[in-house]
């Protein structure tokens, strides 16, 4: 039954992006990530991509949001233990500082790579 919500959640994420509603995007993205990893754990034998550090990052993002009294950061993971975090421009420095302090100094994370949204799709006309 876990997979029954995939299409609905994808639509909610798409709508949150269209509405520029970061908190809604963040909540649905984290729930989707959690569901995907729960499905992996439901297999036999179970598949676990997340590491102890992955779980620590999840807890850190939730703690960050609690300290802010609102959802200002979100996580998802690639097909492995590597976290992909989202936040708005106004929160980059604070989130990066928290990550570097909690994870880079201890050696749990080797680097934080910051990416930004591009200019959008381009139409290429080959001549």
N, C-alpha and C. Protein backbone atom coordinates (compact mmCIF):
# COMPACT_ATOMS: atom_id res chain seq x y z
N UNK A 1 0.80 -1.20 0.00
CA UNK A 1 0.00 0.00 0.00
C UNK A 1 0.85 1.27 0.00
N UNK A 2 2.14 1.15 0.30
CA UNK A 2 3.00 2.33 0.34
C UNK A 2 3.07 3.06 -0.99
N UNK A 3 3.04 2.31 -2.08
CA UNK A 3 3.19 2.92 -3.40
C UNK A 3 1.91 3.56 -3.90
N UNK A 4 0.81 3.41 -3.20
CA UNK A 4 -0.47 3.97 -3.64
C UNK A 4 -0.45 5.50 -3.67
N UNK A 5 0.47 6.12 -2.94
CA UNK A 5 0.51 7.58 -2.83
C UNK A 5 1.52 8.24 -3.76
N UNK A 6 2.23 7.47 -4.56
CA UNK A 6 3.32 8.02 -5.37
C UNK A 6 2.82 9.10 -6.34
N UNK A 7 1.81 8.79 -7.12
CA UNK A 7 1.31 9.76 -8.10
C UNK A 7 0.71 10.99 -7.42
N UNK A 8 -0.02 10.77 -6.35
CA UNK A 8 -0.62 11.89 -5.62
C UNK A 8 0.47 12.80 -5.04
N UNK A 9 1.49 12.18 -4.46
CA UNK A 9 2.56 12.99 -3.86
C UNK A 9 3.34 13.73 -4.94
N UNK A 10 3.58 13.10 -6.08
CA UNK A 10 4.27 13.77 -7.19
C UNK A 10 3.47 14.99 -7.64
N UNK A 11 2.15 14.85 -7.70
CA UNK A 11 1.30 15.98 -8.09
C UNK A 11 1.36 17.09 -7.05
N UNK A 12 1.39 16.73 -5.77
CA UNK A 12 1.47 17.73 -4.70
C UNK A 12 2.81 18.47 -4.75
N UNK A 13 3.88 17.74 -5.02
CA UNK A 13 5.20 18.37 -5.13
C UNK A 13 5.22 19.32 -6.33
N UNK A 14 4.69 18.86 -7.45
CA UNK A 14 4.64 19.69 -8.65
C UNK A 14 3.83 20.96 -8.41
N UNK A 15 2.69 20.81 -7.72
CA UNK A 15 1.85 21.98 -7.43
C UNK A 15 2.56 22.93 -6.47
N UNK A 16 3.24 22.41 -5.47
CA UNK A 16 3.97 23.27 -4.53
C UNK A 16 5.06 24.06 -5.25
N UNK A 17 5.72 23.43 -6.22
CA UNK A 17 6.74 24.14 -7.00
C UNK A 17 6.07 25.24 -7.82
N UNK A 18 4.98 24.91 -8.49
CA UNK A 18 4.27 25.90 -9.31
C UNK A 18 3.78 27.08 -8.45
N UNK A 19 3.35 26.78 -7.23
CA UNK A 19 2.86 27.82 -6.31
C UNK A 19 3.98 28.54 -5.56
N UNK A 20 5.22 28.08 -5.77
CA UNK A 20 6.37 28.62 -5.04
C UNK A 20 6.15 28.53 -3.53
N UNK A 21 5.62 27.39 -3.11
CA UNK A 21 5.31 27.14 -1.71
C UNK A 21 6.36 26.18 -1.16
N UNK A 22 7.45 26.76 -0.66
CA UNK A 22 8.55 25.92 -0.20
C UNK A 22 8.16 24.97 0.93
N UNK A 23 7.45 25.43 1.97
CA UNK A 23 7.12 24.49 3.06
C UNK A 23 6.35 23.26 2.57
N UNK A 24 5.39 23.45 1.67
CA UNK A 24 4.64 22.31 1.15
C UNK A 24 5.55 21.40 0.31
N UNK A 25 6.37 22.01 -0.54
CA UNK A 25 7.34 21.24 -1.34
C UNK A 25 8.22 20.42 -0.39
N UNK A 26 8.73 21.05 0.64
CA UNK A 26 9.65 20.40 1.57
C UNK A 26 8.99 19.22 2.28
N UNK A 27 7.80 19.43 2.81
CA UNK A 27 7.12 18.36 3.54
C UNK A 27 6.85 17.16 2.63
N UNK A 28 6.33 17.39 1.44
CA UNK A 28 6.03 16.28 0.54
C UNK A 28 7.30 15.59 0.05
N UNK A 29 8.36 16.36 -0.15
CA UNK A 29 9.63 15.78 -0.60
C UNK A 29 10.20 14.86 0.48
N UNK A 30 10.19 15.31 1.73
CA UNK A 30 10.72 14.48 2.81
C UNK A 30 9.87 13.23 3.01
N UNK A 31 8.55 13.38 2.94
CA UNK A 31 7.67 12.22 3.08
C UNK A 31 7.91 11.22 1.95
N UNK A 32 8.09 11.74 0.73
CA UNK A 32 8.34 10.87 -0.41
C UNK A 32 9.66 10.11 -0.23
N UNK A 33 10.67 10.80 0.24
CA UNK A 33 11.97 10.17 0.49
C UNK A 33 11.83 9.07 1.54
N UNK A 34 11.13 9.39 2.62
CA UNK A 34 10.94 8.40 3.69
C UNK A 34 10.18 7.18 3.18
N UNK A 35 9.16 7.40 2.38
CA UNK A 35 8.36 6.29 1.83
C UNK A 35 9.23 5.39 0.94
N UNK A 36 10.05 6.01 0.09
CA UNK A 36 10.89 5.22 -0.81
C UNK A 36 11.83 4.32 0.00
N UNK A 37 12.41 4.86 1.05
CA UNK A 37 13.32 4.06 1.86
C UNK A 37 12.57 3.01 2.68
N UNK A 38 11.34 3.32 3.05
CA UNK A 38 10.51 2.32 3.75
C UNK A 38 10.18 1.16 2.82
N UNK A 39 9.89 1.45 1.55
CA UNK A 39 9.63 0.40 0.57
C UNK A 39 10.86 -0.49 0.44
N UNK A 40 12.02 0.12 0.38
CA UNK A 40 13.25 -0.67 0.29
C UNK A 40 13.42 -1.59 1.49
N UNK A 41 13.06 -1.10 2.66
CA UNK A 41 13.17 -1.92 3.87
C UNK A 41 12.12 -3.02 3.92
N UNK A 42 11.01 -2.82 3.19
CA UNK A 42 9.94 -3.83 3.15
C UNK A 42 10.26 -5.01 2.25
N UNK A 43 11.31 -4.90 1.43
CA UNK A 43 11.66 -5.99 0.53
C UNK A 43 12.31 -7.12 1.32
N UNK A 44 12.42 -8.26 0.68
CA UNK A 44 13.11 -9.38 1.32
C UNK A 44 14.17 -9.92 0.36
N UNK A 45 15.42 -9.90 0.73
CA UNK A 45 15.93 -9.29 1.96
C UNK A 45 15.82 -7.77 1.88
N UNK A 46 15.76 -7.11 3.03
CA UNK A 46 15.60 -5.66 3.02
C UNK A 46 16.81 -4.96 2.41
N UNK A 47 16.53 -3.85 1.75
CA UNK A 47 17.59 -3.02 1.17
C UNK A 47 17.66 -1.75 2.00
N UNK A 48 18.84 -1.42 2.48
CA UNK A 48 19.02 -0.21 3.27
C UNK A 48 20.12 0.64 2.66
N UNK A 49 19.74 1.73 2.03
CA UNK A 49 20.71 2.63 1.42
C UNK A 49 21.24 3.66 2.41
N UNK A 50 20.46 3.96 3.42
CA UNK A 50 20.84 5.03 4.34
C UNK A 50 21.87 4.56 5.35
N UNK A 51 22.84 5.41 5.60
CA UNK A 51 23.89 5.13 6.59
C UNK A 51 23.54 5.81 7.90
N UNK A 52 24.35 5.59 8.91
CA UNK A 52 24.15 6.28 10.19
C UNK A 52 24.22 7.79 9.99
N UNK A 53 25.15 8.24 9.13
CA UNK A 53 25.26 9.67 8.84
C UNK A 53 24.01 10.17 8.14
N UNK A 54 23.45 9.37 7.23
CA UNK A 54 22.20 9.76 6.56
C UNK A 54 21.10 10.01 7.59
N UNK A 55 20.96 9.09 8.54
CA UNK A 55 19.95 9.25 9.58
C UNK A 55 20.24 10.47 10.45
N UNK A 56 21.51 10.75 10.71
CA UNK A 56 21.88 11.94 11.48
C UNK A 56 21.52 13.22 10.73
N UNK A 57 21.68 13.22 9.41
CA UNK A 57 21.32 14.38 8.61
C UNK A 57 19.81 14.59 8.63
N UNK A 58 19.05 13.51 8.55
CA UNK A 58 17.58 13.61 8.64
C UNK A 58 17.19 14.27 9.97
N UNK A 59 17.77 13.77 11.06
CA UNK A 59 17.46 14.35 12.37
C UNK A 59 17.89 15.82 12.44
N UNK A 60 19.04 16.15 11.84
CA UNK A 60 19.54 17.53 11.87
C UNK A 60 18.61 18.47 11.09
N UNK A 61 18.09 18.02 9.96
CA UNK A 61 17.16 18.85 9.19
C UNK A 61 15.89 19.09 9.98
N UNK A 62 15.36 18.05 10.62
CA UNK A 62 14.15 18.23 11.44
C UNK A 62 14.44 19.17 12.62
N UNK A 63 15.60 19.04 13.23
CA UNK A 63 15.97 19.93 14.34
C UNK A 63 16.12 21.37 13.85
N UNK A 64 16.71 21.56 12.68
CA UNK A 64 16.85 22.89 12.08
C UNK A 64 15.46 23.51 11.90
N UNK A 65 14.54 22.75 11.34
CA UNK A 65 13.19 23.27 11.12
C UNK A 65 12.49 23.57 12.44
N UNK A 66 12.69 22.75 13.43
CA UNK A 66 12.08 23.00 14.75
C UNK A 66 12.64 24.27 15.37
N UNK A 67 13.96 24.47 15.27
CA UNK A 67 14.57 25.69 15.80
C UNK A 67 14.03 26.93 15.09
N UNK A 68 13.72 26.79 13.81
CA UNK A 68 13.20 27.91 13.03
C UNK A 68 11.70 28.09 13.21
N UNK A 69 11.04 27.15 13.85
CA UNK A 69 9.59 27.14 14.05
C UNK A 69 8.82 27.15 12.74
N UNK A 70 9.46 26.67 11.68
CA UNK A 70 8.81 26.52 10.38
C UNK A 70 9.69 25.63 9.51
N UNK A 71 9.12 25.11 8.44
CA UNK A 71 9.88 24.24 7.55
C UNK A 71 10.70 25.11 6.60
N UNK A 72 12.03 25.10 6.79
CA UNK A 72 12.92 25.90 5.97
C UNK A 72 13.98 25.05 5.27
N UNK A 73 13.97 23.75 5.52
CA UNK A 73 14.92 22.85 4.87
C UNK A 73 14.24 21.51 4.63
N UNK A 74 14.70 20.81 3.61
CA UNK A 74 14.16 19.49 3.29
C UNK A 74 15.30 18.59 2.84
N UNK A 75 15.07 17.29 2.93
CA UNK A 75 16.05 16.31 2.49
C UNK A 75 15.40 15.31 1.56
N UNK A 76 16.23 14.72 0.74
CA UNK A 76 15.93 13.51 0.01
C UNK A 76 17.28 12.85 -0.18
N UNK A 77 17.31 11.68 -0.78
CA UNK A 77 18.58 10.98 -0.95
C UNK A 77 18.67 10.44 -2.37
N UNK A 78 19.90 10.35 -2.87
CA UNK A 78 20.09 9.72 -4.17
C UNK A 78 19.93 8.21 -3.98
N UNK A 79 20.33 7.43 -4.92
CA UNK A 79 20.19 5.97 -4.79
C UNK A 79 21.32 5.43 -3.92
N UNK A 80 21.55 6.09 -2.84
CA UNK A 80 22.59 5.72 -1.90
C UNK A 80 22.43 6.56 -0.66
N UNK A 81 23.48 6.70 0.13
CA UNK A 81 23.38 7.41 1.39
C UNK A 81 23.60 8.92 1.28
N UNK A 82 23.74 9.43 0.06
CA UNK A 82 24.08 10.85 -0.12
C UNK A 82 22.85 11.74 -0.03
N UNK A 83 22.88 12.64 0.93
CA UNK A 83 21.75 13.54 1.14
C UNK A 83 21.75 14.64 0.09
N UNK A 84 20.54 15.01 -0.33
CA UNK A 84 20.32 16.18 -1.17
C UNK A 84 19.38 17.06 -0.36
N UNK A 85 19.86 18.25 -0.01
CA UNK A 85 19.07 19.14 0.83
C UNK A 85 18.58 20.32 0.02
N UNK A 86 17.39 20.78 0.37
CA UNK A 86 16.78 21.93 -0.29
C UNK A 86 16.50 23.00 0.74
N UNK A 87 16.71 24.25 0.34
CA UNK A 87 16.29 25.39 1.14
C UNK A 87 16.20 26.59 0.20
N UNK A 88 15.61 27.64 0.68
CA UNK A 88 15.55 28.87 -0.10
C UNK A 88 16.84 29.66 0.09
N UNK A 89 17.10 30.59 -0.83
CA UNK A 89 18.34 31.37 -0.78
C UNK A 89 18.57 32.01 0.58
N UNK A 90 17.51 32.50 1.21
CA UNK A 90 17.65 33.19 2.49
C UNK A 90 18.16 32.28 3.61
N UNK A 91 18.08 30.97 3.42
CA UNK A 91 18.46 30.03 4.47
C UNK A 91 19.76 29.27 4.17
N UNK A 92 20.38 29.54 3.04
CA UNK A 92 21.56 28.78 2.64
C UNK A 92 22.69 28.90 3.66
N UNK A 93 23.03 30.11 4.04
CA UNK A 93 24.17 30.31 4.96
C UNK A 93 23.95 29.61 6.29
N UNK A 94 22.75 29.76 6.85
CA UNK A 94 22.46 29.16 8.15
C UNK A 94 22.49 27.63 8.06
N UNK A 95 21.87 27.07 7.02
CA UNK A 95 21.85 25.62 6.86
C UNK A 95 23.25 25.09 6.60
N UNK A 96 24.00 25.76 5.73
CA UNK A 96 25.37 25.35 5.43
C UNK A 96 26.21 25.38 6.70
N UNK A 97 26.07 26.42 7.50
CA UNK A 97 26.82 26.53 8.75
C UNK A 97 26.53 25.37 9.69
N UNK A 98 25.24 25.02 9.81
CA UNK A 98 24.85 23.90 10.66
C UNK A 98 25.46 22.60 10.15
N UNK A 99 25.39 22.39 8.84
CA UNK A 99 25.94 21.16 8.26
C UNK A 99 27.45 21.07 8.46
N UNK A 100 28.15 22.16 8.17
CA UNK A 100 29.60 22.14 8.32
C UNK A 100 30.01 21.91 9.77
N UNK A 101 29.31 22.57 10.69
CA UNK A 101 29.63 22.43 12.11
C UNK A 101 29.36 21.01 12.60
N UNK A 102 28.21 20.45 12.22
CA UNK A 102 27.82 19.13 12.74
C UNK A 102 28.43 17.96 11.98
N UNK A 103 28.75 18.14 10.71
CA UNK A 103 29.14 16.99 9.90
C UNK A 103 30.52 17.08 9.26
N UNK A 104 30.92 18.24 8.81
CA UNK A 104 32.21 18.35 8.13
C UNK A 104 33.37 18.35 9.13
N UNK A 105 33.20 19.08 10.23
CA UNK A 105 34.26 19.16 11.24
C UNK A 105 34.57 17.78 11.80
N UNK A 106 33.54 16.96 11.98
CA UNK A 106 33.71 15.62 12.55
C UNK A 106 34.19 14.61 11.51
N UNK A 107 34.18 15.00 10.24
CA UNK A 107 34.61 14.10 9.18
C UNK A 107 33.52 13.16 8.69
N UNK A 108 32.29 13.33 9.18
CA UNK A 108 31.19 12.48 8.74
C UNK A 108 30.78 12.79 7.30
N UNK A 109 30.97 14.05 6.90
CA UNK A 109 30.68 14.50 5.54
C UNK A 109 31.93 15.17 5.01
N UNK A 110 32.34 14.76 3.81
CA UNK A 110 33.59 15.31 3.27
C UNK A 110 33.41 16.68 2.62
N UNK A 111 32.23 16.94 2.06
CA UNK A 111 32.02 18.26 1.45
C UNK A 111 30.54 18.56 1.32
N UNK A 112 30.25 19.84 1.30
CA UNK A 112 28.90 20.33 1.04
C UNK A 112 28.97 21.05 -0.29
N UNK A 113 28.19 20.61 -1.24
CA UNK A 113 28.18 21.22 -2.57
C UNK A 113 26.90 22.03 -2.70
N UNK A 114 27.05 23.30 -2.99
CA UNK A 114 25.90 24.18 -3.12
C UNK A 114 25.55 24.34 -4.60
N UNK A 115 24.30 24.11 -4.92
CA UNK A 115 23.80 24.27 -6.29
C UNK A 115 22.65 25.26 -6.27
N UNK A 116 22.47 25.91 -7.38
CA UNK A 116 21.36 26.86 -7.51
C UNK A 116 20.51 26.48 -8.71
N UNK A 117 19.31 27.00 -8.71
CA UNK A 117 18.41 26.79 -9.84
C UNK A 117 18.97 27.52 -11.04
N UNK A 118 18.93 26.87 -12.17
CA UNK A 118 19.43 27.48 -13.40
C UNK A 118 18.44 28.46 -13.99
N UNK A 119 18.75 28.93 -15.17
CA UNK A 119 17.93 29.93 -15.83
C UNK A 119 16.69 29.34 -16.49
N UNK A 120 16.58 28.02 -16.48
CA UNK A 120 15.42 27.37 -17.09
C UNK A 120 15.78 26.73 -18.40
N UNK A 121 14.80 26.11 -19.04
CA UNK A 121 15.09 25.41 -20.29
C UNK A 121 15.46 26.37 -21.41
N UNK A 122 16.31 25.90 -22.27
CA UNK A 122 16.72 26.67 -23.44
C UNK A 122 16.30 25.94 -24.69
N UNK A 123 15.93 26.68 -25.70
CA UNK A 123 15.61 26.08 -26.98
C UNK A 123 16.85 26.23 -27.85
N UNK A 124 17.31 25.10 -28.32
CA UNK A 124 18.51 25.10 -29.15
C UNK A 124 18.09 24.83 -30.59
N UNK A 125 18.53 25.67 -31.46
CA UNK A 125 18.20 25.51 -32.87
C UNK A 125 19.52 25.19 -33.60
N UNK A 126 19.65 23.95 -34.05
CA UNK A 126 20.83 23.57 -34.81
C UNK A 126 20.64 24.00 -36.25
N UNK A 127 21.69 24.54 -36.81
CA UNK A 127 21.59 25.01 -38.21
C UNK A 127 22.38 24.12 -39.12
